[in-house]
Amino acid sequence: MNTILLLVCSNVFITFAWHGHLKYRKAPLFAAIVVSWLIAFAEYCFQAPADRIGYGEFSAFQLKIIQEVITLCVFIAFVWLYLGDGIKWDNAVSFMFLVGAVGFGFWGKF
């Protein structure tokens, strides 16, 4: 469970590092880059421990699959709550296919 919580924290930071500046398009690009790098540093402070703790309990492939699904969940919340964009039906269907891929990736673990 620690791995999952650390990955969620990591993904919140990296989502803001990558996309948070989109709300402030009038800010200078250089400022967006510097702020993004500062936020990304905080992301690494969660990502590295998540991988260290999780590797062994999960395979490297499974860790990556978990991370990608968490990324999508965090991104959906970010786009909806922070940027104010809606979710379209094709986005939802794509997400469901990815969730199915996660289930398939863990098939042998059960």
PDB file of N, CA and C in Angstrom:
ATOM      1  N   MET A   1       0.817  -1.193   0.000  1.00  0.00           N
ATOM      2  CA  MET A   1       0.000   0.000   0.000  1.00  0.00           C
ATOM      3  C   MET A   1       0.866   1.266   0.000  1.00  0.00           C
ATOM      4  N   ASN A   2       2.038   1.217   0.656  1.00  0.00           N
ATOM      5  CA  ASN A   2       2.939   2.370   0.650  1.00  0.00           C
ATOM      6  C   ASN A   2       3.352   2.737  -0.767  1.00  0.00           C
ATOM      7  N   THR A   3       3.596   1.724  -1.572  1.00  0.00           N
ATOM      8  CA  THR A   3       3.985   1.966  -2.962  1.00  0.00           C
ATOM      9  C   THR A   3       2.908   2.747  -3.696  1.00  0.00           C
ATOM     10  N   ILE A   4       1.667   2.344  -3.532  1.00  0.00           N
ATOM     11  CA  ILE A   4       0.555   2.998  -4.227  1.00  0.00           C
ATOM     12  C   ILE A   4       0.422   4.448  -3.758  1.00  0.00           C
ATOM     13  N   LEU A   5       0.484   4.673  -2.455  1.00  0.00           N
ATOM     14  CA  LEU A   5       0.366   6.045  -1.928  1.00  0.00           C
ATOM     15  C   LEU A   5       1.504   6.944  -2.421  1.00  0.00           C
ATOM     16  N   LEU A   6       2.708   6.409  -2.431  1.00  0.00           N
ATOM     17  CA  LEU A   6       3.836   7.182  -2.938  1.00  0.00           C
ATOM     18  C   LEU A   6       3.687   7.476  -4.427  1.00  0.00           C
ATOM     19  N   LEU A   7       3.181   6.505  -5.178  1.00  0.00           N
ATOM     20  CA  LEU A   7       2.968   6.733  -6.614  1.00  0.00           C
ATOM     21  C   LEU A   7       1.881   7.780  -6.865  1.00  0.00           C
ATOM     22  N   VAL A   8       0.847   7.778  -6.052  1.00  0.00           N
ATOM     23  CA  VAL A   8      -0.195   8.801  -6.191  1.00  0.00           C
ATOM     24  C   VAL A   8       0.410  10.186  -5.930  1.00  0.00           C
ATOM     25  N   CYS A   9       1.152  10.325  -4.846  1.00  0.00           N
ATOM     26  CA  CYS A   9       1.801  11.613  -4.550  1.00  0.00           C
ATOM     27  C   CYS A   9       2.731  12.026  -5.686  1.00  0.00           C
ATOM     28  N   SER A  10       3.528  11.091  -6.151  1.00  0.00           N
ATOM     29  CA  SER A  10       4.440  11.354  -7.254  1.00  0.00           C
ATOM     30  C   SER A  10       3.702  11.867  -8.482  1.00  0.00           C
ATOM     31  N   ASN A  11       2.599  11.230  -8.809  1.00  0.00           N
ATOM     32  CA  ASN A  11       1.857  11.600 -10.008  1.00  0.00           C
ATOM     33  C   ASN A  11       1.132  12.931  -9.875  1.00  0.00           C
ATOM     34  N   VAL A  12       0.717  13.284  -8.675  1.00  0.00           N
ATOM     35  CA  VAL A  12       0.116  14.610  -8.482  1.00  0.00           C
ATOM     36  C   VAL A  12       1.170  15.677  -8.791  1.00  0.00           C
ATOM     37  N   PHE A  13       2.369  15.503  -8.254  1.00  0.00           N
ATOM     38  CA  PHE A  13       3.428  16.481  -8.507  1.00  0.00           C
ATOM     39  C   PHE A  13       3.807  16.544  -9.982  1.00  0.00           C
ATOM     40  N   ILE A  14       3.988  15.398 -10.631  1.00  0.00           N
ATOM     41  CA  ILE A  14       4.452  15.424 -12.017  1.00  0.00           C
ATOM     42  C   ILE A  14       3.366  15.948 -12.953  1.00  0.00           C
ATOM     43  N   THR A  15       2.113  15.703 -12.627  1.00  0.00           N
ATOM     44  CA  THR A  15       1.035  16.247 -13.453  1.00  0.00           C
ATOM     45  C   THR A  15       1.039  17.769 -13.395  1.00  0.00           C
ATOM     46  N   PHE A  16       1.231  18.324 -12.207  1.00  0.00           N
ATOM     47  CA  PHE A  16       1.328  19.782 -12.106  1.00  0.00           C
ATOM     48  C   PHE A  16       2.602  20.302 -12.768  1.00  0.00           C
ATOM     49  N   ALA A  17       3.696  19.548 -12.667  1.00  0.00           N
ATOM     50  CA  ALA A  17       4.931  19.981 -13.322  1.00  0.00           C
ATOM     51  C   ALA A  17       4.763  20.019 -14.841  1.00  0.00           C
ATOM     52  N   TRP A  18       4.112  19.025 -15.392  1.00  0.00           N
ATOM     53  CA  TRP A  18       3.967  18.935 -16.847  1.00  0.00           C
ATOM     54  C   TRP A  18       2.864  19.831 -17.394  1.00  0.00           C
ATOM     55  N   HIS A  19       1.757  19.941 -16.676  1.00  0.00           N
ATOM     56  CA  HIS A  19       0.567  20.575 -17.250  1.00  0.00           C
ATOM     57  C   HIS A  19       0.033  21.774 -16.469  1.00  0.00           C
ATOM     58  N   GLY A  20       0.523  22.025 -15.269  1.00  0.00           N
ATOM     59  CA  GLY A  20       0.001  23.109 -14.450  1.00  0.00           C
ATOM     60  C   GLY A  20       0.162  24.476 -15.086  1.00  0.00           C
ATOM     61  N   HIS A  21       1.232  24.652 -15.838  1.00  0.00           N
ATOM     62  CA  HIS A  21       1.480  25.947 -16.470  1.00  0.00           C
ATOM     63  C   HIS A  21       0.492  26.262 -17.588  1.00  0.00           C
ATOM     64  N   LEU A  22      -0.273  25.287 -18.052  1.00  0.00           N
ATOM     65  CA  LEU A  22      -1.231  25.530 -19.130  1.00  0.00           C
ATOM     66  C   LEU A  22      -2.305  26.538 -18.713  1.00  0.00           C
ATOM     67  N   LYS A  23      -2.557  26.627 -17.431  1.00  0.00           N
ATOM     68  CA  LYS A  23      -3.536  27.579 -16.916  1.00  0.00           C
ATOM     69  C   LYS A  23      -2.971  29.007 -16.904  1.00  0.00           C
ATOM     70  N   TYR A  24      -1.669  29.130 -17.012  1.00  0.00           N
ATOM     71  CA  TYR A  24      -0.990  30.427 -16.941  1.00  0.00           C
ATOM     72  C   TYR A  24      -0.197  30.681 -18.227  1.00  0.00           C
ATOM     73  N   ARG A  25      -0.886  30.682 -19.339  1.00  0.00           N
ATOM     74  CA  ARG A  25      -0.232  30.797 -20.642  1.00  0.00           C
ATOM     75  C   ARG A  25       0.422  32.156 -20.870  1.00  0.00           C
ATOM     76  N   LYS A  26       0.056  33.156 -20.090  1.00  0.00           N
ATOM     77  CA  LYS A  26       0.667  34.483 -20.249  1.00  0.00           C
ATOM     78  C   LYS A  26       2.003  34.591 -19.519  1.00  0.00           C
ATOM     79  N   ALA A  27       2.280  33.651 -18.626  1.00  0.00           N
ATOM     80  CA  ALA A  27       3.565  33.655 -17.918  1.00  0.00           C
ATOM     81  C   ALA A  27       4.677  33.323 -18.917  1.00  0.00           C
ATOM     82  N   PRO A  28       5.866  33.865 -18.701  1.00  0.00           N
ATOM     83  CA  PRO A  28       6.980  33.568 -19.609  1.00  0.00           C
ATOM     84  C   PRO A  28       7.298  32.063 -19.617  1.00  0.00           C
ATOM     85  N   LEU A  29       7.645  31.563 -20.783  1.00  0.00           N
ATOM     86  CA  LEU A  29       7.960  30.144 -20.928  1.00  0.00           C
ATOM     87  C   LEU A  29       9.113  29.737 -20.012  1.00  0.00           C
ATOM     88  N   PHE A  30      10.122  30.594 -19.898  1.00  0.00           N
ATOM     89  CA  PHE A  30      11.260  30.285 -19.035  1.00  0.00           C
ATOM     90  C   PHE A  30      10.808  30.062 -17.591  1.00  0.00           C
ATOM     91  N   ALA A  31       9.892  30.889 -17.114  1.00  0.00           N
ATOM     92  CA  ALA A  31       9.374  30.735 -15.745  1.00  0.00           C
ATOM     93  C   ALA A  31       8.629  29.404 -15.612  1.00  0.00           C
ATOM     94  N   ALA A  32       7.861  29.040 -16.629  1.00  0.00           N
ATOM     95  CA  ALA A  32       7.138  27.765 -16.596  1.00  0.00           C
ATOM     96  C   ALA A  32       8.119  26.594 -16.520  1.00  0.00           C
ATOM     97  N   ILE A  33       9.218  26.694 -17.264  1.00  0.00           N
ATOM     98  CA  ILE A  33      10.218  25.618 -17.261  1.00  0.00           C
ATOM     99  C   ILE A  33      10.877  25.497 -15.895  1.00  0.00           C
ATOM    100  N   VAL A  34      11.279  26.607 -15.318  1.00  0.00           N
ATOM    101  CA  VAL A  34      11.955  26.579 -14.010  1.00  0.00           C
ATOM    102  C   VAL A  34      11.021  26.052 -12.926  1.00  0.00           C
ATOM    103  N   VAL A  35       9.802  26.556 -12.890  1.00  0.00           N
ATOM    104  CA  VAL A  35       8.838  26.095 -11.882  1.00  0.00           C
ATOM    105  C   VAL A  35       8.538  24.613 -12.083  1.00  0.00           C
ATOM    106  N   SER A  36       8.405  24.196 -13.334  1.00  0.00           N
ATOM    107  CA  SER A  36       8.141  22.780 -13.617  1.00  0.00           C
ATOM    108  C   SER A  36       9.275  21.897 -13.108  1.00  0.00           C
ATOM    109  N   TRP A  37      10.516  22.314 -13.290  1.00  0.00           N
ATOM    110  CA  TRP A  37      11.652  21.536 -12.806  1.00  0.00           C
ATOM    111  C   TRP A  37      11.667  21.463 -11.278  1.00  0.00           C
ATOM    112  N   LEU A  38      11.305  22.551 -10.622  1.00  0.00           N
ATOM    113  CA  LEU A  38      11.255  22.538  -9.149  1.00  0.00           C
ATOM    114  C   LEU A  38      10.179  21.574  -8.648  1.00  0.00           C
ATOM    115  N   ILE A  39       9.035  21.581  -9.318  1.00  0.00           N
ATOM    116  CA  ILE A  39       7.962  20.659  -8.939  1.00  0.00           C
ATOM    117  C   ILE A  39       8.380  19.216  -9.240  1.00  0.00           C
ATOM    118  N   ALA A  40       9.063  19.012 -10.359  1.00  0.00           N
ATOM    119  CA  ALA A  40       9.504  17.660 -10.732  1.00  0.00           C
ATOM    120  C   ALA A  40      10.474  17.087  -9.709  1.00  0.00           C
ATOM    121  N   PHE A  41      11.287  17.939  -9.091  1.00  0.00           N
ATOM    122  CA  PHE A  41      12.187  17.445  -8.055  1.00  0.00           C
ATOM    123  C   PHE A  41      11.390  16.801  -6.916  1.00  0.00           C
ATOM    124  N   ALA A  42      10.299  17.457  -6.506  1.00  0.00           N
ATOM    125  CA  ALA A  42       9.451  16.891  -5.458  1.00  0.00           C
ATOM    126  C   ALA A  42       8.865  15.554  -5.917  1.00  0.00           C
ATOM    127  N   GLU A  43       8.535  15.469  -7.193  1.00  0.00           N
ATOM    128  CA  GLU A  43       7.992  14.213  -7.733  1.00  0.00           C
ATOM    129  C   GLU A  43       8.990  13.077  -7.560  1.00  0.00           C
ATOM    130  N   TYR A  44      10.255  13.332  -7.862  1.00  0.00           N
ATOM    131  CA  TYR A  44      11.275  12.291  -7.735  1.00  0.00           C
ATOM    132  C   TYR A  44      11.456  11.847  -6.293  1.00  0.00           C
ATOM    133  N   CYS A  45      11.188  12.739  -5.352  1.00  0.00           N
ATOM    134  CA  CYS A  45      11.303  12.384  -3.934  1.00  0.00           C
ATOM    135  C   CYS A  45      10.244  11.356  -3.516  1.00  0.00           C
ATOM    136  N   PHE A  46       9.191  11.215  -4.294  1.00  0.00           N
ATOM    137  CA  PHE A  46       8.172  10.190  -4.054  1.00  0.00           C
ATOM    138  C   PHE A  46       8.351   8.989  -4.986  1.00  0.00           C
ATOM    139  N   GLN A  47       8.755   9.244  -6.230  1.00  0.00           N
ATOM    140  CA  GLN A  47       8.857   8.179  -7.228  1.00  0.00           C
ATOM    141  C   GLN A  47       9.946   7.167  -6.886  1.00  0.00           C
ATOM    142  N   ALA A  48      11.124   7.649  -6.548  1.00  0.00           N
ATOM    143  CA  ALA A  48      12.230   6.734  -6.258  1.00  0.00           C
ATOM    144  C   ALA A  48      11.914   5.810  -5.081  1.00  0.00           C
ATOM    145  N   PRO A  49      11.410   6.323  -3.952  1.00  0.00           N
ATOM    146  CA  PRO A  49      11.048   5.404  -2.862  1.00  0.00           C
ATOM    147  C   PRO A  49       9.927   4.438  -3.247  1.00  0.00           C
ATOM    148  N   ALA A  50       8.972   4.905  -4.054  1.00  0.00           N
ATOM    149  CA  ALA A  50       7.880   4.026  -4.477  1.00  0.00           C
ATOM    150  C   ALA A  50       8.427   2.824  -5.233  1.00  0.00           C
ATOM    151  N   ASP A  51       9.348   3.082  -6.152  1.00  0.00           N
ATOM    152  CA  ASP A  51       9.929   1.982  -6.920  1.00  0.00           C
ATOM    153  C   ASP A  51      10.797   1.075  -6.052  1.00  0.00           C
ATOM    154  N   ARG A  52      11.563   1.673  -5.164  1.00  0.00           N
ATOM    155  CA  ARG A  52      12.422   0.865  -4.284  1.00  0.00           C
ATOM    156  C   ARG A  52      11.600  -0.041  -3.378  1.00  0.00           C
ATOM    157  N   ILE A  53      10.540   0.517  -2.801  1.00  0.00           N
ATOM    158  CA  ILE A  53       9.687  -0.263  -1.895  1.00  0.00           C
ATOM    159  C   ILE A  53       8.886  -1.298  -2.670  1.00  0.00           C
ATOM    160  N   GLY A  54       8.383  -0.911  -3.835  1.00  0.00           N
ATOM    161  CA  GLY A  54       7.484  -1.786  -4.593  1.00  0.00           C
ATOM    162  C   GLY A  54       8.156  -2.901  -5.359  1.00  0.00           C
ATOM    163  N   TYR A  55       9.422  -2.687  -5.754  1.00  0.00           N
ATOM    164  CA  TYR A  55      10.107  -3.708  -6.546  1.00  0.00           C
ATOM    165  C   TYR A  55      10.424  -4.911  -5.671  1.00  0.00           C
ATOM    166  N   GLY A  56       9.949  -6.033  -6.061  1.00  0.00           N
ATOM    167  CA  GLY A  56      10.048  -7.250  -5.262  1.00  0.00           C
ATOM    168  C   GLY A  56       8.655  -7.728  -4.913  1.00  0.00           C
ATOM    169  N   GLU A  57       7.842  -6.795  -4.416  1.00  0.00           N
ATOM    170  CA  GLU A  57       6.427  -7.106  -4.211  1.00  0.00           C
ATOM    171  C   GLU A  57       5.740  -7.170  -5.582  1.00  0.00           C
ATOM    172  N   PHE A  58       6.157  -6.276  -6.464  1.00  0.00           N
ATOM    173  CA  PHE A  58       5.665  -6.234  -7.832  1.00  0.00           C
ATOM    174  C   PHE A  58       6.859  -6.366  -8.768  1.00  0.00           C
ATOM    175  N   SER A  59       6.625  -6.860  -9.959  1.00  0.00           N
ATOM    176  CA  SER A  59       7.684  -6.866 -10.961  1.00  0.00           C
ATOM    177  C   SER A  59       7.842  -5.450 -11.502  1.00  0.00           C
ATOM    178  N   ALA A  60       8.923  -5.194 -12.216  1.00  0.00           N
ATOM    179  CA  ALA A  60       9.127  -3.877 -12.818  1.00  0.00           C
ATOM    180  C   ALA A  60       7.998  -3.560 -13.797  1.00  0.00           C
ATOM    181  N   PHE A  61       7.555  -4.567 -14.541  1.00  0.00           N
ATOM    182  CA  PHE A  61       6.445  -4.366 -15.471  1.00  0.00           C
ATOM    183  C   PHE A  61       5.162  -3.979 -14.721  1.00  0.00           C
ATOM    184  N   GLN A  62       4.883  -4.681 -13.639  1.00  0.00           N
ATOM    185  CA  GLN A  62       3.686  -4.381 -12.865  1.00  0.00           C
ATOM    186  C   GLN A  62       3.752  -2.998 -12.234  1.00  0.00           C
ATOM    187  N   LEU A  63       4.932  -2.597 -11.741  1.00  0.00           N
ATOM    188  CA  LEU A  63       5.085  -1.252 -11.196  1.00  0.00           C
ATOM    189  C   LEU A  63       4.769  -0.200 -12.251  1.00  0.00           C
ATOM    190  N   LYS A  64       5.244  -0.428 -13.469  1.00  0.00           N
ATOM    191  CA  LYS A  64       4.990   0.532 -14.541  1.00  0.00           C
ATOM    192  C   LYS A  64       3.509   0.574 -14.898  1.00  0.00           C
ATOM    193  N   ILE A  65       2.863  -0.575 -14.917  1.00  0.00           N
ATOM    194  CA  ILE A  65       1.427  -0.627 -15.217  1.00  0.00           C
ATOM    195  C   ILE A  65       0.641   0.130 -14.142  1.00  0.00           C
ATOM    196  N   ILE A  66       0.974  -0.114 -12.884  1.00  0.00           N
ATOM    197  CA  ILE A  66       0.313   0.590 -11.781  1.00  0.00           C
ATOM    198  C   ILE A  66       0.516   2.090 -11.929  1.00  0.00           C
ATOM    199  N   GLN A  67       1.742   2.490 -12.208  1.00  0.00           N
ATOM    200  CA  GLN A  67       2.075   3.901 -12.325  1.00  0.00           C
ATOM    201  C   GLN A  67       1.282   4.561 -13.451  1.00  0.00           C
ATOM    202  N   GLU A  68       1.137   3.886 -14.565  1.00  0.00           N
ATOM    203  CA  GLU A  68       0.415   4.471 -15.701  1.00  0.00           C
ATOM    204  C   GLU A  68      -1.067   4.653 -15.394  1.00  0.00           C
ATOM    205  N   VAL A  69      -1.673   3.698 -14.711  1.00  0.00           N
ATOM    206  CA  VAL A  69      -3.091   3.836 -14.368  1.00  0.00           C
ATOM    207  C   VAL A  69      -3.281   4.958 -13.349  1.00  0.00           C
ATOM    208  N   ILE A  70      -2.388   5.045 -12.387  1.00  0.00           N
ATOM    209  CA  ILE A  70      -2.462   6.147 -11.434  1.00  0.00           C
ATOM    210  C   ILE A  70      -2.293   7.475 -12.166  1.00  0.00           C
ATOM    211  N   THR A  71      -1.376   7.519 -13.118  1.00  0.00           N
ATOM    212  CA  THR A  71      -1.183   8.728 -13.918  1.00  0.00           C
ATOM    213  C   THR A  71      -2.476   9.137 -14.606  1.00  0.00           C
ATOM    214  N   LEU A  72      -3.162   8.185 -15.202  1.00  0.00           N
ATOM    215  CA  LEU A  72      -4.419   8.499 -15.883  1.00  0.00           C
ATOM    216  C   LEU A  72      -5.481   8.995 -14.904  1.00  0.00           C
ATOM    217  N   CYS A  73      -5.589   8.351 -13.760  1.00  0.00           N
ATOM    218  CA  CYS A  73      -6.589   8.773 -12.767  1.00  0.00           C
ATOM    219  C   CYS A  73      -6.302  10.183 -12.274  1.00  0.00           C
ATOM    220  N   VAL A  74      -5.044  10.453 -11.952  1.00  0.00           N
ATOM    221  CA  VAL A  74      -4.661  11.786 -11.490  1.00  0.00           C
ATOM    222  C   VAL A  74      -4.884  12.807 -12.602  1.00  0.00           C
ATOM    223  N   PHE A  75      -4.524  12.444 -13.836  1.00  0.00           N
ATOM    224  CA  PHE A  75      -4.679  13.372 -14.949  1.00  0.00           C
ATOM    225  C   PHE A  75      -6.148  13.697 -15.212  1.00  0.00           C
ATOM    226  N   ILE A  76      -7.006  12.697 -15.136  1.00  0.00           N
ATOM    227  CA  ILE A  76      -8.441  12.940 -15.336  1.00  0.00           C
ATOM    228  C   ILE A  76      -8.959  13.927 -14.288  1.00  0.00           C
ATOM    229  N   ALA A  77      -8.596  13.708 -13.028  1.00  0.00           N
ATOM    230  CA  ALA A  77      -9.018  14.627 -11.965  1.00  0.00           C
ATOM    231  C   ALA A  77      -8.437  16.023 -12.196  1.00  0.00           C
ATOM    232  N   PHE A  78      -7.189  16.091 -12.598  1.00  0.00           N
ATOM    233  CA  PHE A  78      -6.519  17.364 -12.857  1.00  0.00           C
ATOM    234  C   PHE A  78      -7.206  18.143 -13.974  1.00  0.00           C
ATOM    235  N   VAL A  79      -7.444  17.468 -15.086  1.00  0.00           N
ATOM    236  CA  VAL A  79      -8.068  18.128 -16.238  1.00  0.00           C
ATOM    237  C   VAL A  79      -9.474  18.602 -15.882  1.00  0.00           C
ATOM    238  N   TRP A  80     -10.190  17.797 -15.163  1.00  0.00           N
ATOM    239  CA  TRP A  80     -11.565  18.130 -14.801  1.00  0.00           C
ATOM    240  C   TRP A  80     -11.620  19.244 -13.750  1.00  0.00           C
ATOM    241  N   LEU A  81     -10.853  19.094 -12.676  1.00  0.00           N
ATOM    242  CA  LEU A  81     -10.934  20.032 -11.558  1.00  0.00           C
ATOM    243  C   LEU A  81     -10.078  21.287 -11.747  1.00  0.00           C
ATOM    244  N   TYR A  82      -8.884  21.145 -12.288  1.00  0.00           N
ATOM    245  CA  TYR A  82      -7.952  22.273 -12.377  1.00  0.00           C
ATOM    246  C   TYR A  82      -8.100  23.042 -13.689  1.00  0.00           C
ATOM    247  N   LEU A  83      -8.164  22.308 -14.803  1.00  0.00           N
ATOM    248  CA  LEU A  83      -8.263  22.979 -16.101  1.00  0.00           C
ATOM    249  C   LEU A  83      -9.710  23.223 -16.537  1.00  0.00           C
ATOM    250  N   GLY A  84     -10.652  22.522 -15.911  1.00  0.00           N
ATOM    251  CA  GLY A  84     -12.061  22.724 -16.219  1.00  0.00           C
ATOM    252  C   GLY A  84     -12.530  22.069 -17.511  1.00  0.00           C
ATOM    253  N   ASP A  85     -11.786  21.105 -18.017  1.00  0.00           N
ATOM    254  CA  ASP A  85     -12.192  20.391 -19.229  1.00  0.00           C
ATOM    255  C   ASP A  85     -13.085  19.209 -18.869  1.00  0.00           C
ATOM    256  N   GLY A  86     -13.976  18.854 -19.775  1.00  0.00           N
ATOM    257  CA  GLY A  86     -14.841  17.696 -19.571  1.00  0.00           C
ATOM    258  C   GLY A  86     -14.222  16.431 -20.140  1.00  0.00           C
ATOM    259  N   ILE A  87     -14.785  15.310 -19.752  1.00  0.00           N
ATOM    260  CA  ILE A  87     -14.341  14.011 -20.257  1.00  0.00           C
ATOM    261  C   ILE A  87     -15.332  13.565 -21.324  1.00  0.00           C
ATOM    262  N   LYS A  88     -14.832  13.236 -22.491  1.00  0.00           N
ATOM    263  CA  LYS A  88     -15.679  12.790 -23.593  1.00  0.00           C
ATOM    264  C   LYS A  88     -15.790  11.271 -23.564  1.00  0.00           C
ATOM    265  N   TRP A  89     -16.780  10.754 -24.263  1.00  0.00           N
ATOM    266  CA  TRP A  89     -17.038   9.308 -24.235  1.00  0.00           C
ATOM    267  C   TRP A  89     -15.847   8.514 -24.753  1.00  0.00           C
ATOM    268  N   ASP A  90     -15.161   8.999 -25.790  1.00  0.00           N
ATOM    269  CA  ASP A  90     -14.031   8.252 -26.338  1.00  0.00           C
ATOM    270  C   ASP A  90     -12.856   8.222 -25.357  1.00  0.00           C
ATOM    271  N   ASN A  91     -12.709   9.291 -24.552  1.00  0.00           N
ATOM    272  CA  ASN A  91     -11.694   9.279 -23.504  1.00  0.00           C
ATOM    273  C   ASN A  91     -12.029   8.222 -22.455  1.00  0.00           C
ATOM    274  N   ALA A  92     -13.292   8.140 -22.072  1.00  0.00           N
ATOM    275  CA  ALA A  92     -13.725   7.166 -21.066  1.00  0.00           C
ATOM    276  C   ALA A  92     -13.521   5.737 -21.568  1.00  0.00           C
ATOM    277  N   VAL A  93     -13.848   5.485 -22.825  1.00  0.00           N
ATOM    278  CA  VAL A  93     -13.670   4.137 -23.395  1.00  0.00           C
ATOM    279  C   VAL A  93     -12.179   3.784 -23.443  1.00  0.00           C
ATOM    280  N   SER A  94     -11.359   4.729 -23.848  1.00  0.00           N
ATOM    281  CA  SER A  94      -9.912   4.489 -23.875  1.00  0.00           C
ATOM    282  C   SER A  94      -9.397   4.146 -22.485  1.00  0.00           C
ATOM    283  N   PHE A  95      -9.878   4.868 -21.494  1.00  0.00           N
ATOM    284  CA  PHE A  95      -9.472   4.608 -20.115  1.00  0.00           C
ATOM    285  C   PHE A  95      -9.881   3.203 -19.688  1.00  0.00           C
ATOM    286  N   MET A  96     -11.070   2.786 -20.059  1.00  0.00           N
ATOM    287  CA  MET A  96     -11.535   1.448 -19.680  1.00  0.00           C
ATOM    288  C   MET A  96     -10.657   0.353 -20.325  1.00  0.00           C
ATOM    289  N   PHE A  97     -10.226   0.575 -21.551  1.00  0.00           N
ATOM    290  CA  PHE A  97      -9.308  -0.372 -22.189  1.00  0.00           C
ATOM    291  C   PHE A  97      -7.991  -0.458 -21.417  1.00  0.00           C
ATOM    292  N   LEU A  98      -7.518   0.672 -20.936  1.00  0.00           N
ATOM    293  CA  LEU A  98      -6.277   0.660 -20.168  1.00  0.00           C
ATOM    294  C   LEU A  98      -6.456  -0.043 -18.827  1.00  0.00           C
ATOM    295  N   VAL A  99      -7.596   0.140 -18.204  1.00  0.00           N
ATOM    296  CA  VAL A  99      -7.874  -0.577 -16.958  1.00  0.00           C
ATOM    297  C   VAL A  99      -7.916  -2.084 -17.236  1.00  0.00           C
ATOM    298  N   GLY A 100      -8.499  -2.467 -18.364  1.00  0.00           N
ATOM    299  CA  GLY A 100      -8.485  -3.882 -18.759  1.00  0.00           C
ATOM    300  C   GLY A 100      -7.069  -4.399 -18.966  1.00  0.00           C
ATOM    301  N   ALA A 101      -6.208  -3.562 -19.525  1.00  0.00           N
ATOM    302  CA  ALA A 101      -4.808  -3.956 -19.712  1.00  0.00           C
ATOM    303  C   ALA A 101      -4.115  -4.185 -18.375  1.00  0.00           C
ATOM    304  N   VAL A 102      -4.467  -3.388 -17.383  1.00  0.00           N
ATOM    305  CA  VAL A 102      -3.897  -3.574 -16.045  1.00  0.00           C
ATOM    306  C   VAL A 102      -4.321  -4.927 -15.488  1.00  0.00           C
ATOM    307  N   GLY A 103      -5.598  -5.231 -15.613  1.00  0.00           N
ATOM    308  CA  GLY A 103      -6.083  -6.539 -15.151  1.00  0.00           C
ATOM    309  C   GLY A 103      -5.339  -7.672 -15.829  1.00  0.00           C
ATOM    310  N   PHE A 104      -5.113  -7.526 -17.112  1.00  0.00           N
ATOM    311  CA  PHE A 104      -4.378  -8.546 -17.862  1.00  0.00           C
ATOM    312  C   PHE A 104      -2.928  -8.640 -17.390  1.00  0.00           C
ATOM    313  N   GLY A 105      -2.322  -7.485 -17.068  1.00  0.00           N
ATOM    314  CA  GLY A 105      -0.949  -7.456 -16.594  1.00  0.00           C
ATOM    315  C   GLY A 105      -0.762  -8.132 -15.244  1.00  0.00           C
ATOM    316  N   PHE A 106      -1.810  -8.203 -14.465  1.00  0.00           N
ATOM    317  CA  PHE A 106      -1.747  -8.833 -13.153  1.00  0.00           C
ATOM    318  C   PHE A 106      -2.368 -10.225 -13.136  1.00  0.00           C
ATOM    319  N   TRP A 107      -2.797 -10.710 -14.281  1.00  0.00           N
ATOM    320  CA  TRP A 107      -3.492 -11.988 -14.387  1.00  0.00           C
ATOM    321  C   TRP A 107      -2.715 -13.121 -13.707  1.00  0.00           C
ATOM    322  N   GLY A 108      -1.429 -13.221 -13.959  1.00  0.00           N
ATOM    323  CA  GLY A 108      -0.625 -14.306 -13.416  1.00  0.00           C
ATOM    324  C   GLY A 108      -0.326 -14.178 -11.933  1.00  0.00           C
ATOM    325  N   LYS A 109      -0.567 -13.020 -11.351  1.00  0.00           N
ATOM    326  CA  LYS A 109      -0.260 -12.811  -9.929  1.00  0.00           C
ATOM    327  C   LYS A 109      -1.300 -13.452  -9.026  1.00  0.00           C
ATOM    328  N   PHE A 110      -2.500 -13.715  -9.575  1.00  0.00           N
ATOM    329  CA  PHE A 110      -3.576 -14.240  -8.735  1.00  0.00           C
ATOM    330  C   PHE A 110      -3.759 -15.708  -8.925  1.00  0.00           C
TER     331      PHE A 110
END
